[in-house]
């Protein structure tokens, strides 16, 4: 084996999946538990399941139905 290899003229693997971005996100404990339990049922890692769900929402351009449940001034 060589001590060093020169990959400066290498090309990217065209068959490699698109790289994912690492982020930090804060989720409710109950939400994480829900996806972990669901992931066990469908036999897939929970982060993959969350990513798949969010990708589906993005592809369908779904928007959340937000209901703000608080009263001001009380």
PDB file of N, CA and C in Angstrom:
ATOM      1  N   UNK A   1       0.836  -1.190   0.000  1.00  0.00           N
ATOM      2  CA  UNK A   1       0.000   0.000   0.000  1.00  0.00           C
ATOM      3  C   UNK A   1       0.875   1.245   0.000  1.00  0.00           C
ATOM      4  N   UNK A   2       0.375   2.288  -0.590  1.00  0.00           N
ATOM      5  CA  UNK A   2       1.075   3.563  -0.609  1.00  0.00           C
ATOM      6  C   UNK A   2       0.881   4.290   0.716  1.00  0.00           C
ATOM      7  N   UNK A   3       1.799   5.169   1.020  1.00  0.00           N
ATOM      8  CA  UNK A   3       1.651   6.001   2.218  1.00  0.00           C
ATOM      9  C   UNK A   3       0.592   7.071   1.995  1.00  0.00           C
ATOM     10  N   UNK A   4       0.483   7.562   0.751  1.00  0.00           N
ATOM     11  CA  UNK A   4      -0.489   8.600   0.429  1.00  0.00           C
ATOM     12  C   UNK A   4      -1.137   8.307  -0.920  1.00  0.00           C
ATOM     13  N   UNK A   5      -2.358   8.738  -1.075  1.00  0.00           N
ATOM     14  CA  UNK A   5      -3.079   8.595  -2.339  1.00  0.00           C
ATOM     15  C   UNK A   5      -3.548   9.969  -2.782  1.00  0.00           C
ATOM     16  N   UNK A   6      -3.546  10.225  -4.085  1.00  0.00           N
ATOM     17  CA  UNK A   6      -3.968  11.512  -4.633  1.00  0.00           C
ATOM     18  C   UNK A   6      -5.354  11.354  -5.258  1.00  0.00           C
ATOM     19  N   UNK A   7      -6.361  11.953  -4.629  1.00  0.00           N
ATOM     20  CA  UNK A   7      -7.729  11.891  -5.133  1.00  0.00           C
ATOM     21  C   UNK A   7      -8.155  13.217  -5.756  1.00  0.00           C
ATOM     22  N   UNK A   8      -7.211  14.104  -6.035  1.00  0.00           N
ATOM     23  CA  UNK A   8      -7.557  15.435  -6.545  1.00  0.00           C
ATOM     24  C   UNK A   8      -8.237  15.375  -7.912  1.00  0.00           C
ATOM     25  N   UNK A   9      -8.002  14.325  -8.684  1.00  0.00           N
ATOM     26  CA  UNK A   9      -8.643  14.198  -9.991  1.00  0.00           C
ATOM     27  C   UNK A   9      -9.825  13.229  -9.959  1.00  0.00           C
ATOM     28  N   UNK A  10     -10.258  12.847  -8.759  1.00  0.00           N
ATOM     29  CA  UNK A  10     -11.364  11.911  -8.620  1.00  0.00           C
ATOM     30  C   UNK A  10     -12.700  12.552  -8.963  1.00  0.00           C
ATOM     31  N   UNK A  11     -13.673  11.717  -9.255  1.00  0.00           N
ATOM     32  CA  UNK A  11     -15.021  12.211  -9.520  1.00  0.00           C
ATOM     33  C   UNK A  11     -15.959  11.641  -8.458  1.00  0.00           C
ATOM     34  N   UNK A  12     -17.028  12.368  -8.201  1.00  0.00           N
ATOM     35  CA  UNK A  12     -18.009  11.918  -7.212  1.00  0.00           C
ATOM     36  C   UNK A  12     -18.768  10.717  -7.753  1.00  0.00           C
ATOM     37  N   UNK A  13     -19.170   9.851  -6.856  1.00  0.00           N
ATOM     38  CA  UNK A  13     -19.950   8.672  -7.217  1.00  0.00           C
ATOM     39  C   UNK A  13     -21.344   9.114  -7.659  1.00  0.00           C
ATOM     40  N   UNK A  14     -21.709   8.896  -8.922  1.00  0.00           N
ATOM     41  CA  UNK A  14     -23.031   9.332  -9.391  1.00  0.00           C
ATOM     42  C   UNK A  14     -24.172   8.486  -8.825  1.00  0.00           C
ATOM     43  N   UNK A  15     -23.859   7.364  -8.206  1.00  0.00           N
ATOM     44  CA  UNK A  15     -24.879   6.479  -7.659  1.00  0.00           C
ATOM     45  C   UNK A  15     -25.121   6.723  -6.174  1.00  0.00           C
ATOM     46  N   UNK A  16     -24.327   7.596  -5.579  1.00  0.00           N
ATOM     47  CA  UNK A  16     -24.469   7.887  -4.152  1.00  0.00           C
ATOM     48  C   UNK A  16     -25.727   8.708  -3.919  1.00  0.00           C
ATOM     49  N   UNK A  17     -26.455   8.380  -2.862  1.00  0.00           N
ATOM     50  CA  UNK A  17     -27.645   9.147  -2.505  1.00  0.00           C
ATOM     51  C   UNK A  17     -27.248  10.575  -2.152  1.00  0.00           C
ATOM     52  N   UNK A  18     -28.201  11.469  -2.289  1.00  0.00           N
ATOM     53  CA  UNK A  18     -27.969  12.856  -1.925  1.00  0.00           C
ATOM     54  C   UNK A  18     -27.614  12.919  -0.440  1.00  0.00           C
ATOM     55  N   UNK A  19     -26.593  13.664  -0.120  1.00  0.00           N
ATOM     56  CA  UNK A  19     -26.159  13.797   1.269  1.00  0.00           C
ATOM     57  C   UNK A  19     -27.232  14.489   2.098  1.00  0.00           C
ATOM     58  N   UNK A  20     -27.307  14.147   3.353  1.00  0.00           N
ATOM     59  CA  UNK A  20     -28.264  14.771   4.252  1.00  0.00           C
ATOM     60  C   UNK A  20     -27.555  15.846   5.070  1.00  0.00           C
ATOM     61  N   UNK A  21     -28.314  16.799   5.519  1.00  0.00           N
ATOM     62  CA  UNK A  21     -27.787  17.877   6.331  1.00  0.00           C
ATOM     63  C   UNK A  21     -28.022  17.565   7.798  1.00  0.00           C
ATOM     64  N   UNK A  22     -27.009  17.780   8.595  1.00  0.00           N
ATOM     65  CA  UNK A  22     -27.132  17.583  10.032  1.00  0.00           C
ATOM     66  C   UNK A  22     -27.649  18.864  10.659  1.00  0.00           C
ATOM     67  N   UNK A  23     -28.716  18.733  11.465  1.00  0.00           N
ATOM     68  CA  UNK A  23     -29.279  19.891  12.158  1.00  0.00           C
ATOM     69  C   UNK A  23     -29.522  19.522  13.613  1.00  0.00           C
ATOM     70  N   UNK A  24     -29.758  20.526  14.412  1.00  0.00           N
ATOM     71  CA  UNK A  24     -30.195  20.316  15.790  1.00  0.00           C
ATOM     72  C   UNK A  24     -31.620  20.832  15.869  1.00  0.00           C
ATOM     73  N   UNK A  25     -32.501  20.022  16.407  1.00  0.00           N
ATOM     74  CA  UNK A  25     -33.908  20.405  16.507  1.00  0.00           C
ATOM     75  C   UNK A  25     -34.423  19.979  17.880  1.00  0.00           C
ATOM     76  N   UNK A  26     -35.240  20.806  18.461  1.00  0.00           N
ATOM     77  CA  UNK A  26     -35.821  20.489  19.772  1.00  0.00           C
ATOM     78  C   UNK A  26     -37.259  20.027  19.556  1.00  0.00           C
ATOM     79  N   UNK A  27     -37.530  18.826  20.006  1.00  0.00           N
ATOM     80  CA  UNK A  27     -38.860  18.238  19.866  1.00  0.00           C
ATOM     81  C   UNK A  27     -39.393  17.863  21.237  1.00  0.00           C
ATOM     82  N   UNK A  28     -40.711  17.888  21.366  1.00  0.00           N
ATOM     83  CA  UNK A  28     -41.327  17.429  22.611  1.00  0.00           C
ATOM     84  C   UNK A  28     -40.984  15.962  22.832  1.00  0.00           C
ATOM     85  N   UNK A  29     -40.826  15.601  24.092  1.00  0.00           N
ATOM     86  CA  UNK A  29     -40.515  14.219  24.437  1.00  0.00           C
ATOM     87  C   UNK A  29     -41.592  13.263  23.917  1.00  0.00           C
ATOM     88  N   UNK A  30     -42.856  13.667  24.036  1.00  0.00           N
ATOM     89  CA  UNK A  30     -43.964  12.824  23.584  1.00  0.00           C
ATOM     90  C   UNK A  30     -43.906  12.603  22.069  1.00  0.00           C
ATOM     91  N   UNK A  31     -43.492  13.616  21.328  1.00  0.00           N
ATOM     92  CA  UNK A  31     -43.390  13.494  19.874  1.00  0.00           C
ATOM     93  C   UNK A  31     -42.310  12.492  19.497  1.00  0.00           C
ATOM     94  N   UNK A  32     -41.163  12.591  20.151  1.00  0.00           N
ATOM     95  CA  UNK A  32     -40.061  11.662  19.878  1.00  0.00           C
ATOM     96  C   UNK A  32     -40.478  10.240  20.239  1.00  0.00           C
ATOM     97  N   UNK A  33     -41.130  10.066  21.364  1.00  0.00           N
ATOM     98  CA  UNK A  33     -41.590   8.737  21.775  1.00  0.00           C
ATOM     99  C   UNK A  33     -42.581   8.160  20.773  1.00  0.00           C
ATOM    100  N   UNK A  34     -43.477   9.003  20.275  1.00  0.00           N
ATOM    101  CA  UNK A  34     -44.451   8.559  19.272  1.00  0.00           C
ATOM    102  C   UNK A  34     -43.727   7.992  18.055  1.00  0.00           C
ATOM    103  N   UNK A  35     -42.759   8.757  17.528  1.00  0.00           N
ATOM    104  CA  UNK A  35     -42.046   8.301  16.338  1.00  0.00           C
ATOM    105  C   UNK A  35     -41.155   7.094  16.630  1.00  0.00           C
ATOM    106  N   UNK A  36     -40.583   7.016  17.818  1.00  0.00           N
ATOM    107  CA  UNK A  36     -39.781   5.839  18.169  1.00  0.00           C
ATOM    108  C   UNK A  36     -40.656   4.587  18.214  1.00  0.00           C
ATOM    109  N   UNK A  37     -41.838   4.695  18.819  1.00  0.00           N
ATOM    110  CA  UNK A  37     -42.758   3.547  18.881  1.00  0.00           C
ATOM    111  C   UNK A  37     -43.241   3.152  17.492  1.00  0.00           C
ATOM    112  N   UNK A  38     -43.584   4.146  16.685  1.00  0.00           N
ATOM    113  CA  UNK A  38     -44.035   3.876  15.330  1.00  0.00           C
ATOM    114  C   UNK A  38     -42.910   3.253  14.503  1.00  0.00           C
ATOM    115  N   UNK A  39     -41.700   3.727  14.692  1.00  0.00           N
ATOM    116  CA  UNK A  39     -40.546   3.193  13.961  1.00  0.00           C
ATOM    117  C   UNK A  39     -40.319   1.722  14.282  1.00  0.00           C
ATOM    118  N   UNK A  40     -40.520   1.352  15.534  1.00  0.00           N
ATOM    119  CA  UNK A  40     -40.402  -0.068  15.910  1.00  0.00           C
ATOM    120  C   UNK A  40     -41.436  -0.908  15.179  1.00  0.00           C
ATOM    121  N   UNK A  41     -42.649  -0.391  15.075  1.00  0.00           N
ATOM    122  CA  UNK A  41     -43.731  -1.127  14.412  1.00  0.00           C
ATOM    123  C   UNK A  41     -43.448  -1.346  12.933  1.00  0.00           C
ATOM    124  N   UNK A  42     -42.839  -0.358  12.285  1.00  0.00           N
ATOM    125  CA  UNK A  42     -42.570  -0.472  10.848  1.00  0.00           C
ATOM    126  C   UNK A  42     -41.137  -0.904  10.556  1.00  0.00           C
ATOM    127  N   UNK A  43     -40.382  -1.187  11.619  1.00  0.00           N
ATOM    128  CA  UNK A  43     -39.018  -1.716  11.519  1.00  0.00           C
ATOM    129  C   UNK A  43     -38.092  -0.790  10.720  1.00  0.00           C
ATOM    130  N   UNK A  44     -38.007   0.460  11.184  1.00  0.00           N
ATOM    131  CA  UNK A  44     -37.078   1.401  10.564  1.00  0.00           C
ATOM    132  C   UNK A  44     -36.569   2.352  11.638  1.00  0.00           C
ATOM    133  N   UNK A  45     -35.405   2.930  11.462  1.00  0.00           N
ATOM    134  CA  UNK A  45     -34.899   3.885  12.455  1.00  0.00           C
ATOM    135  C   UNK A  45     -35.830   5.102  12.573  1.00  0.00           C
ATOM    136  N   UNK A  46     -35.994   5.589  13.792  1.00  0.00           N
ATOM    137  CA  UNK A  46     -36.971   6.661  14.005  1.00  0.00           C
ATOM    138  C   UNK A  46     -36.585   7.951  13.288  1.00  0.00           C
ATOM    139  N   UNK A  47     -35.290   8.251  13.174  1.00  0.00           N
ATOM    140  CA  UNK A  47     -34.892   9.465  12.472  1.00  0.00           C
ATOM    141  C   UNK A  47     -35.205   9.355  10.982  1.00  0.00           C
ATOM    142  N   UNK A  48     -35.067   8.164  10.430  1.00  0.00           N
ATOM    143  CA  UNK A  48     -35.424   7.929   9.038  1.00  0.00           C
ATOM    144  C   UNK A  48     -36.923   8.103   8.854  1.00  0.00           C
ATOM    145  N   UNK A  49     -37.704   7.625   9.811  1.00  0.00           N
ATOM    146  CA  UNK A  49     -39.159   7.757   9.753  1.00  0.00           C
ATOM    147  C   UNK A  49     -39.564   9.229   9.805  1.00  0.00           C
ATOM    148  N   UNK A  50     -38.969   9.989  10.718  1.00  0.00           N
ATOM    149  CA  UNK A  50     -39.277  11.415  10.818  1.00  0.00           C
ATOM    150  C   UNK A  50     -38.901  12.115   9.510  1.00  0.00           C
ATOM    151  N   UNK A  51     -37.727  11.794   8.968  1.00  0.00           N
ATOM    152  CA  UNK A  51     -37.301  12.401   7.706  1.00  0.00           C
ATOM    153  C   UNK A  51     -38.268  12.053   6.576  1.00  0.00           C
ATOM    154  N   UNK A  52     -38.699  10.796   6.516  1.00  0.00           N
ATOM    155  CA  UNK A  52     -39.634  10.372   5.469  1.00  0.00           C
ATOM    156  C   UNK A  52     -40.960  11.119   5.587  1.00  0.00           C
ATOM    157  N   UNK A  53     -41.443  11.273   6.810  1.00  0.00           N
ATOM    158  CA  UNK A  53     -42.702  11.988   7.035  1.00  0.00           C
ATOM    159  C   UNK A  53     -42.575  13.448   6.607  1.00  0.00           C
ATOM    160  N   UNK A  54     -41.489  14.092   7.011  1.00  0.00           N
ATOM    161  CA  UNK A  54     -41.293  15.493   6.643  1.00  0.00           C
ATOM    162  C   UNK A  54     -41.081  15.654   5.139  1.00  0.00           C
ATOM    163  N   UNK A  55     -40.381  14.712   4.515  1.00  0.00           N
ATOM    164  CA  UNK A  55     -40.178  14.759   3.062  1.00  0.00           C
ATOM    165  C   UNK A  55     -41.509  14.625   2.334  1.00  0.00           C
ATOM    166  N   UNK A  56     -42.387  13.746   2.843  1.00  0.00           N
ATOM    167  CA  UNK A  56     -43.718  13.578   2.255  1.00  0.00           C
ATOM    168  C   UNK A  56     -44.525  14.870   2.386  1.00  0.00           C
ATOM    169  N   UNK A  57     -44.454  15.498   3.552  1.00  0.00           N
ATOM    170  CA  UNK A  57     -45.156  16.772   3.760  1.00  0.00           C
ATOM    171  C   UNK A  57     -44.640  17.827   2.791  1.00  0.00           C
ATOM    172  N   UNK A  58     -43.323  17.903   2.621  1.00  0.00           N
ATOM    173  CA  UNK A  58     -42.724  18.894   1.728  1.00  0.00           C
ATOM    174  C   UNK A  58     -43.119  18.624   0.279  1.00  0.00           C
ATOM    175  N   UNK A  59     -43.097  17.352  -0.129  1.00  0.00           N
ATOM    176  CA  UNK A  59     -43.451  16.999  -1.511  1.00  0.00           C
ATOM    177  C   UNK A  59     -44.901  17.349  -1.820  1.00  0.00           C
ATOM    178  N   UNK A  60     -45.775  17.192  -0.824  1.00  0.00           N
ATOM    179  CA  UNK A  60     -47.199  17.490  -1.009  1.00  0.00           C
ATOM    180  C   UNK A  60     -47.542  18.937  -0.654  1.00  0.00           C
ATOM    181  N   UNK A  61     -46.490  19.696  -0.286  1.00  0.00           N
ATOM    182  CA  UNK A  61     -46.643  21.104   0.104  1.00  0.00           C
ATOM    183  C   UNK A  61     -47.709  21.280   1.192  1.00  0.00           C
ATOM    184  N   UNK A  62     -47.699  20.357   2.151  1.00  0.00           N
ATOM    185  CA  UNK A  62     -48.648  20.446   3.262  1.00  0.00           C
ATOM    186  C   UNK A  62     -48.257  21.593   4.173  1.00  0.00           C
ATOM    187  N   UNK A  63     -49.250  22.258   4.689  1.00  0.00           N
ATOM    188  CA  UNK A  63     -49.027  23.322   5.663  1.00  0.00           C
ATOM    189  C   UNK A  63     -49.707  22.907   6.957  1.00  0.00           C
ATOM    190  N   UNK A  64     -49.090  23.194   8.092  1.00  0.00           N
ATOM    191  CA  UNK A  64     -49.696  22.792   9.364  1.00  0.00           C
ATOM    192  C   UNK A  64     -50.944  23.599   9.671  1.00  0.00           C
ATOM    193  N   UNK A  65     -51.870  22.949  10.331  1.00  0.00           N
ATOM    194  CA  UNK A  65     -53.062  23.632  10.822  1.00  0.00           C
ATOM    195  C   UNK A  65     -52.792  23.988  12.277  1.00  0.00           C
ATOM    196  N   UNK A  66     -52.423  25.220  12.490  1.00  0.00           N
ATOM    197  CA  UNK A  66     -52.054  25.651  13.829  1.00  0.00           C
ATOM    198  C   UNK A  66     -53.251  26.221  14.565  1.00  0.00           C
ATOM    199  N   UNK A  67     -53.397  25.818  15.799  1.00  0.00           N
ATOM    200  CA  UNK A  67     -54.444  26.348  16.662  1.00  0.00           C
ATOM    201  C   UNK A  67     -53.744  26.867  17.908  1.00  0.00           C
ATOM    202  N   UNK A  68     -53.769  28.173  18.070  1.00  0.00           N
ATOM    203  CA  UNK A  68     -53.134  28.783  19.229  1.00  0.00           C
ATOM    204  C   UNK A  68     -54.127  28.754  20.372  1.00  0.00           C
ATOM    205  N   UNK A  69     -53.766  28.092  21.438  1.00  0.00           N
ATOM    206  CA  UNK A  69     -54.676  27.874  22.543  1.00  0.00           C
ATOM    207  C   UNK A  69     -54.213  28.610  23.785  1.00  0.00           C
ATOM    208  N   UNK A  70     -54.304  29.926  23.742  1.00  0.00           N
ATOM    209  CA  UNK A  70     -53.968  30.712  24.916  1.00  0.00           C
ATOM    210  C   UNK A  70     -54.801  31.992  24.932  1.00  0.00           C
ATOM    211  N   UNK A  71     -54.931  32.552  26.077  1.00  0.00           N
ATOM    212  CA  UNK A  71     -55.704  33.785  26.193  1.00  0.00           C
ATOM    213  C   UNK A  71     -54.768  34.881  26.702  1.00  0.00           C
ATOM    214  N   UNK A  72     -54.759  36.003  26.035  1.00  0.00           N
ATOM    215  CA  UNK A  72     -53.884  37.102  26.407  1.00  0.00           C
ATOM    216  C   UNK A  72     -54.462  37.867  27.606  1.00  0.00           C
ATOM    217  N   UNK A  73     -53.598  38.338  28.459  1.00  0.00           N
ATOM    218  CA  UNK A  73     -54.015  39.191  29.553  1.00  0.00           C
ATOM    219  C   UNK A  73     -54.583  38.479  30.759  1.00  0.00           C
ATOM    220  N   UNK A  74     -54.572  37.184  30.760  1.00  0.00           N
ATOM    221  CA  UNK A  74     -55.123  36.472  31.924  1.00  0.00           C
ATOM    222  C   UNK A  74     -54.094  35.621  32.586  1.00  0.00           C
TER     223      UNK A  74
END
